Amino acid sequence: MGIDRKRIMVGGVFDIIHVGHIKFLWAAKKIYEPSELIVVVARDSTVKKIKGRPAVFSEKERLEIVSNLKPVDKAVLGYEITDSDSFFRIIHEYKPDIIALGYDQFFNEEEILAKARIEKMSLKIVRLPKFNFNGLCSSTEVRKRVFRLLNTEKEE
């Protein structure tokens, strides 16, 4: 008797890993059990296009970090963003059963589902909330805190 294991895919920059990332990855993995969690790490060029600045860690460093997180079964680099189909190419390649999107990921869910139907893929999209923690829950918050600490040190 085979185990009905679902393939769950998430994507992101994962530049400065913080508790929000960890909670997001665990929540995605637990959408369905048993599951295989595939994490797509954004290319350096994608980060620059989306965020308007380079990542702190290179794509290879971010891939290595994410690959070693406990909830992650497989981490892969995404494709360069060249057109509107770039995001779907990785979906087509790995054929997830479920895509988990973060609260701050602005993808057109209907467009993704429509393309999946054309490809005869059965796909579900789940939108996960922001995971708060008594501390820093975003890479931007981490950066701001580091800058504040560095400026405080300079003043002393």
Protein backbone atom coordinates (compact mmCIF):
# COMPACT_ATOMS: atom_id res chain seq x y z
CA MET A 1 0.00 0.00 0.00
CA GLY A 2 1.57 3.30 -1.14
CA ILE A 3 1.72 6.44 0.93
CA ASP A 4 -0.19 9.39 -0.53
CA ARG A 5 2.65 11.88 -0.19
CA LYS A 6 1.96 15.39 -1.50
CA ARG A 7 4.58 17.62 -3.05
CA ILE A 8 4.41 21.13 -1.60
CA MET A 9 6.31 24.03 -3.15
CA VAL A 10 7.24 27.39 -1.68
CA GLY A 11 9.48 30.10 -3.04
CA GLY A 12 11.24 33.16 -1.79
CA VAL A 13 14.44 35.11 -1.42
CA PHE A 14 15.41 33.61 1.97
CA ASP A 15 18.21 36.12 2.33
CA ILE A 16 18.52 36.65 6.07
CA ILE A 17 16.88 33.61 7.63
CA HIS A 18 14.76 34.48 10.67
CA VAL A 19 12.07 32.83 12.79
CA GLY A 20 9.32 33.97 10.40
CA HIS A 21 10.98 31.95 7.62
CA ILE A 22 11.25 28.86 9.82
CA LYS A 23 7.60 29.07 10.92
CA PHE A 24 6.53 29.61 7.29
CA LEU A 25 8.45 26.54 6.10
CA TRP A 26 7.06 24.33 8.88
CA ALA A 27 3.52 25.57 8.23
CA ALA A 28 3.91 24.82 4.52
CA LYS A 29 5.27 21.34 5.20
CA LYS A 30 2.35 20.58 7.53
CA ILE A 31 -0.36 21.61 5.04
CA TYR A 32 -0.50 17.94 4.18
CA GLU A 33 1.20 15.00 5.84
CA PRO A 34 3.13 13.15 4.64
CA SER A 35 4.66 15.69 2.29
CA GLU A 36 7.78 16.63 0.40
CA LEU A 37 8.66 20.32 0.78
CA ILE A 38 10.45 21.83 -2.21
CA VAL A 39 11.80 25.34 -1.67
CA VAL A 40 12.57 27.52 -4.68
CA VAL A 41 15.27 30.07 -3.85
CA ALA A 42 15.22 33.26 -5.94
CA ARG A 43 18.15 33.97 -8.26
CA ASP A 44 20.34 36.99 -7.50
CA SER A 45 19.02 38.74 -10.62
CA THR A 46 15.43 38.12 -9.49
CA VAL A 47 16.15 39.61 -6.06
CA LYS A 48 17.58 42.72 -7.70
CA LYS A 49 14.52 43.07 -9.97
CA ILE A 50 11.96 42.51 -7.21
CA LYS A 51 13.62 44.20 -4.23
CA GLY A 52 15.61 46.85 -6.09
CA ARG A 53 18.78 45.86 -4.25
CA PRO A 54 21.11 42.88 -4.15
CA ALA A 55 20.72 40.13 -1.59
CA VAL A 56 23.14 40.02 1.34
CA PHE A 57 23.96 36.38 0.60
CA SER A 58 24.54 35.05 -2.91
CA GLU A 59 22.07 32.62 -4.49
CA LYS A 60 24.49 29.73 -3.87
CA GLU A 61 24.86 30.68 -0.19
CA ARG A 62 21.09 31.07 0.24
CA LEU A 63 20.51 27.72 -1.48
CA GLU A 64 23.00 26.03 0.86
CA ILE A 65 21.43 27.60 3.95
CA VAL A 66 17.87 26.68 2.93
CA SER A 67 18.93 23.14 1.93
CA ASN A 68 20.06 22.56 5.49
CA LEU A 69 16.86 23.66 7.24
CA LYS A 70 15.01 20.79 8.90
CA PRO A 71 11.58 21.12 7.22
CA VAL A 72 13.11 21.35 3.73
CA ASP A 73 13.27 18.15 1.68
CA LYS A 74 14.72 19.77 -1.44
CA ALA A 75 15.91 23.27 -2.28
CA VAL A 76 16.42 24.45 -5.85
CA LEU A 77 17.30 27.70 -7.56
CA GLY A 78 14.48 29.34 -9.48
CA TYR A 79 14.76 30.51 -13.05
CA GLU A 80 15.81 33.99 -14.09
CA ILE A 81 12.77 36.21 -14.56
CA THR A 82 12.63 36.85 -18.29
CA ASP A 83 8.89 36.87 -18.91
CA SER A 84 5.55 36.19 -17.23
CA ASP A 85 6.04 32.43 -17.64
CA SER A 86 9.35 32.29 -15.74
CA PHE A 87 7.67 31.51 -12.42
CA PHE A 88 5.51 28.82 -13.97
CA ARG A 89 8.51 27.03 -15.53
CA ILE A 90 9.67 25.78 -12.12
CA ILE A 91 6.11 24.72 -11.26
CA HIS A 92 5.93 22.79 -14.53
CA GLU A 93 9.29 21.15 -13.83
CA TYR A 94 8.51 19.92 -10.28
CA LYS A 95 4.73 19.52 -10.61
CA PRO A 96 3.74 20.26 -7.01
CA ASP A 97 0.34 19.26 -5.67
CA ILE A 98 0.23 22.39 -3.50
CA ILE A 99 1.89 25.79 -3.68
CA ALA A 100 2.12 27.68 -0.40
CA LEU A 101 2.41 31.44 -0.80
CA GLY A 102 3.47 33.84 1.90
CA TYR A 103 1.36 36.80 3.00
CA ASP A 104 3.68 39.19 1.14
CA GLN A 105 4.03 37.28 -2.13
CA PHE A 106 2.04 39.02 -4.83
CA PHE A 107 1.38 36.34 -7.40
CA ASN A 108 -1.78 36.12 -9.45
CA GLU A 109 -3.23 32.90 -8.07
CA GLU A 110 -5.88 32.60 -10.79
CA GLU A 111 -3.26 32.95 -13.51
CA ILE A 112 -1.15 30.19 -11.93
CA LEU A 113 -4.18 27.91 -11.63
CA ALA A 114 -5.23 28.62 -15.23
CA LYS A 115 -1.77 27.70 -16.53
CA ALA A 116 -1.81 24.56 -14.38
CA ARG A 117 -5.15 23.52 -15.90
CA ILE A 118 -3.74 23.97 -19.42
CA GLU A 119 -0.85 21.68 -18.42
CA LYS A 120 -3.36 19.18 -16.95
CA MET A 121 -1.88 19.70 -13.49
CA SER A 122 -4.03 19.34 -10.41
CA LEU A 123 -2.79 22.19 -8.26
CA LYS A 124 -3.98 23.82 -5.06
CA ILE A 125 -2.73 27.19 -3.78
CA VAL A 126 -2.66 27.96 -0.06
CA ARG A 127 -1.97 31.47 1.24
CA LEU A 128 -0.16 31.39 4.59
CA PRO A 129 -0.33 34.25 7.12
CA LYS A 130 2.51 36.30 8.52
CA PHE A 131 4.08 34.42 11.38
CA ASN A 132 4.72 36.70 14.30
CA PHE A 133 7.17 35.91 17.00
CA ASN A 134 8.36 37.94 19.95
CA GLY A 135 11.25 39.25 17.94
CA LEU A 136 12.28 39.96 14.39
CA CYS A 137 10.02 38.40 11.76
CA SER A 138 11.23 39.96 8.54
CA SER A 139 14.57 40.42 6.84
CA THR A 140 13.85 44.15 6.63
CA GLU A 141 13.38 44.29 10.42
CA VAL A 142 16.68 42.42 10.87
CA ARG A 143 18.50 44.87 8.58
CA LYS A 144 17.05 47.88 10.41
CA ARG A 145 18.08 46.46 13.77
CA VAL A 146 21.62 45.76 12.57
CA PHE A 147 21.91 49.33 11.24
CA ARG A 148 20.60 50.71 14.56
CA LEU A 149 23.08 48.60 16.52
CA LEU A 150 25.96 49.66 14.28
CA ASN A 151 24.99 53.33 14.62
CA THR A 152 24.75 52.94 18.40
CA GLU A 153 28.24 51.42 18.50
CA LYS A 154 29.65 54.36 16.50
CA GLU A 155 28.14 56.84 18.97
CA GLU A 156 29.71 55.12 21.98
